[in-house]
Amino acid sequence: MIRAFALHKEREIATRIWHLEGDGIYADCRCEKGQACRADNMIHRPADASRIETQLLRLIREFGEEYDVPEKKIGYLRMITGRVYESQKLSLPPIWKDPEKLAAAQIGFDKIPRR
């Protein structure tokens, strides 16, 4: 999963999590908007493997913009075997780059009934 935090004076004001499922990228948001949050429970159609990183960066930047976080203040951390490491850029776990999983999620997303 990819997890983003919006912080104000080191206090967490919002958390958004994206996870890849069989029918798309699910977004879970915990913020002050509660049930009115339009991003919570949103399902995104995943891009293909060559563009998935760009798609996730866009989602992270949109989250930052929503909370007035300048792009230069966006930092990246990666958890490896329970330890957190700083990173210069977004580093996606292998599942996010698996062409077969992404293609299956795209097909699953396309099958979701639209209202």
Protein backbone atom coordinates (compact mmCIF):
# COMPACT_ATOMS: atom_id res chain seq x y z
CA MET A 1 0.00 0.00 0.00
CA ILE A 2 0.97 3.60 -0.48
CA ARG A 3 0.25 5.84 2.49
CA ALA A 4 0.32 9.65 2.54
CA PHE A 5 0.08 11.92 5.56
CA ALA A 6 -0.76 15.60 5.73
CA LEU A 7 0.89 17.12 8.77
CA HIS A 8 0.52 20.52 10.38
CA LYS A 9 3.05 21.43 13.05
CA GLU A 10 3.92 17.72 13.30
CA ARG A 11 0.26 16.85 13.95
CA GLU A 12 -1.41 14.49 11.50
CA ILE A 13 -4.49 16.10 9.97
CA ALA A 14 -5.21 13.56 7.22
CA THR A 15 -4.10 10.16 6.02
CA ARG A 16 -4.82 8.69 2.62
CA ILE A 17 -4.00 5.12 1.68
CA TRP A 18 -4.02 3.61 -1.79
CA HIS A 19 -3.98 -0.14 -2.28
CA LEU A 20 -4.12 -2.25 -5.40
CA GLU A 21 -6.96 -4.75 -5.53
CA GLY A 22 -8.37 -7.01 -8.23
CA ASP A 23 -10.68 -4.30 -9.47
CA GLY A 24 -8.64 -1.13 -9.15
CA ILE A 25 -6.78 1.18 -6.84
CA TYR A 26 -8.78 1.82 -3.69
CA ALA A 27 -8.35 5.05 -1.76
CA ASP A 28 -9.11 5.18 1.94
CA CYS A 29 -9.03 8.59 3.57
CA ARG A 30 -9.13 9.51 7.24
CA CYS A 31 -9.56 13.24 7.53
CA GLU A 32 -11.62 15.98 9.16
CA LYS A 33 -14.25 15.73 6.41
CA GLY A 34 -15.43 12.35 7.69
CA GLN A 35 -18.11 10.79 5.50
CA ALA A 36 -18.21 13.92 3.33
CA CYS A 37 -14.71 13.17 2.01
CA ARG A 38 -15.04 12.56 -1.72
CA ALA A 39 -11.69 10.74 -1.87
CA ASP A 40 -12.64 8.10 0.70
CA ASN A 41 -13.67 4.78 -0.88
CA MET A 42 -12.77 6.08 -4.33
CA ILE A 43 -11.69 3.46 -6.85
CA HIS A 44 -9.23 4.46 -9.57
CA ARG A 45 -8.50 2.55 -12.75
CA PRO A 46 -4.81 1.67 -12.60
CA ALA A 47 -2.48 2.77 -15.36
CA ASP A 48 -0.25 0.22 -17.03
CA ALA A 49 3.13 -0.68 -15.56
CA SER A 50 5.00 2.03 -17.46
CA ARG A 51 2.69 4.78 -16.13
CA ILE A 52 1.59 3.56 -12.69
CA GLU A 53 4.29 5.52 -10.85
CA THR A 54 3.18 8.73 -12.59
CA GLN A 55 -0.43 8.00 -11.65
CA LEU A 56 0.43 7.48 -7.98
CA LEU A 57 2.59 10.60 -7.90
CA ARG A 58 -0.38 12.54 -9.29
CA LEU A 59 -2.66 11.12 -6.57
CA ILE A 60 -0.10 12.06 -3.90
CA ARG A 61 0.29 15.58 -5.31
CA GLU A 62 -3.48 16.05 -5.46
CA PHE A 63 -3.69 15.01 -1.82
CA GLY A 64 -0.94 17.50 -0.98
CA GLU A 65 -2.71 20.28 -2.87
CA GLU A 66 -5.92 19.51 -1.00
CA TYR A 67 -4.10 20.24 2.26
CA ASP A 68 -1.92 23.10 0.96
CA VAL A 69 1.27 21.06 1.15
CA PRO A 70 3.80 22.51 -1.31
CA GLU A 71 5.35 19.92 -3.60
CA LYS A 72 8.82 20.71 -2.22
CA LYS A 73 7.56 19.64 1.22
CA ILE A 74 6.48 16.19 0.04
CA GLY A 75 8.87 13.57 1.38
CA TYR A 76 9.07 9.85 0.71
CA LEU A 77 9.65 7.06 3.17
CA ARG A 78 9.88 3.35 2.55
CA MET A 79 9.34 0.57 5.05
CA ILE A 80 11.53 -2.48 4.65
CA THR A 81 11.25 -5.33 7.14
CA GLY A 82 9.71 -3.04 9.74
CA ARG A 83 12.28 -0.25 9.42
CA VAL A 84 11.59 3.13 7.84
CA TYR A 85 14.05 4.68 5.40
CA GLU A 86 13.99 8.07 3.72
CA SER A 87 13.96 8.07 -0.05
CA GLN A 88 14.55 10.78 -2.65
CA LYS A 89 11.56 9.62 -4.70
CA LEU A 90 8.55 7.36 -4.65
CA SER A 91 9.64 3.73 -4.55
CA LEU A 92 6.84 1.36 -5.45
CA PRO A 93 6.67 -2.21 -4.15
CA PRO A 94 6.88 -4.86 -6.90
CA ILE A 95 3.13 -5.58 -6.91
CA TRP A 96 2.51 -2.08 -8.29
CA LYS A 97 4.77 -2.78 -11.28
CA ASP A 98 3.47 -6.26 -12.13
CA PRO A 99 1.93 -5.96 -15.63
CA GLU A 100 -0.32 -8.99 -15.11
CA LYS A 101 -1.74 -7.71 -11.79
CA LEU A 102 -2.28 -4.25 -13.25
CA ALA A 103 -3.99 -5.67 -16.35
CA ALA A 104 -6.25 -7.83 -14.16
CA ALA A 105 -7.11 -4.80 -12.00
CA GLN A 106 -7.91 -2.78 -15.14
CA ILE A 107 -10.24 -5.52 -16.37
CA GLY A 108 -11.83 -5.76 -12.92
CA PHE A 109 -12.31 -1.99 -12.81
CA ASP A 110 -13.91 -1.98 -16.26
CA LYS A 111 -16.44 -4.57 -15.03
CA ILE A 112 -17.62 -2.46 -12.09
CA PRO A 113 -21.21 -1.36 -12.75
CA ARG A 114 -21.49 2.41 -13.18
CA ARG A 115 -24.32 4.43 -11.75
